[in-house]
């Protein structure tokens, strides 16, 4: 195939696209802003679903390596009230079809499956412009440029490629997460470790919640979730972690100490993550030579589907290209025709799930959600 393919972003979607293209004998190049594969931690656990994420891994020929990194017990779920009483519990019996894996390990598998030199590290995009005839030029922060026949934006929430296709920008949804970690939890944080259990723990109330997960190596990874206005975010001083933690902890006054310790005993600086989303039905008119994957295409409220959809996007676009390498425009049309309704449906479901977790009927609404057999 003589068509040049440039992918912006070495996250799960971009790596999956490059890998499935490689499986079909098609070359591509990924440009990534980070200086190396190990420049930062890659986040927590991901539950990989049979209907999308696992299908992508099979298309990539990586299903067996994926199975090797599954975290035993990670699918266990419990819901607590604010005093730590168990309202619902489901052990990990290994039958749900949504096994948990560390995001960093999954990314490593994808990176190691690509030919040397596929990822060009340290290339921060500052602009992308059309040249006509479906070709585009990408400009990097160091002044270098690259031209391509097919430009794929897999560059996340604040994509530099998206403006070629859409005027949509992510908007704050009214909820913020605060991320903390506890280490060596069974020895040093026994009460919190017992509260969390073996997998995921949800302690919720209207407008607020603590969601924690036990990760490999005795790590408790927590997101304090708060419905707060934009000015609350602006009032946070990231240079004063103690004051930040005190502000968050105040929202959980009166909760069981083993739960609030997930915040107050955090062993890393707290990280504020305001939740943003694109419009549920984000689409764009077909534009020759350019498209989007993952969060660049359909940033949505966290629901457990984001990474799965991102990988599925990459695999589906690669398979569309491989079906007729000589007709890139037909491939883009086929991919986008399926992408838009799929992502709109999941974005709507994610909004509903956030209300189930933090709405007026929480935590009873989440207990009923799990008890109904929904994933």
Foldseek 3Di string as FASTA:
>chain_A
DPFEEEEEALAQLSLLLQLLLVVLVHHYAYEYQAQDLPSDADDFKAFAAPVFQLVSCVSSVNNVVVVVQFDPFAVWEFEAELALHTPDTDTCPVPPRGTMGTRSSVSVSSVVSHPPRRYDYNWAWDAKADPPPQKIKTAGPVGDIDIGNAYEYAPAQQTRQLVVWDPWHWDFPQKKKKKFKDAPCVVPLVLLDVSCDRHWYWHFAAFWIKIWTQGPRRMIIIITMGRHDPVVVVVDDLVDQVVVLVVSLVVSPPGHPSRNCRRVVGPDRMDMGRQIWTPLQQDGPQDRRYYYAFNSRTRAADDSCRSRRSSSLSSQLSVLCSVPVVCNSSSVVVSRVVPRVVSSVVRVVNVVVVCLGRNNPPPVSVVVVVVVVDD
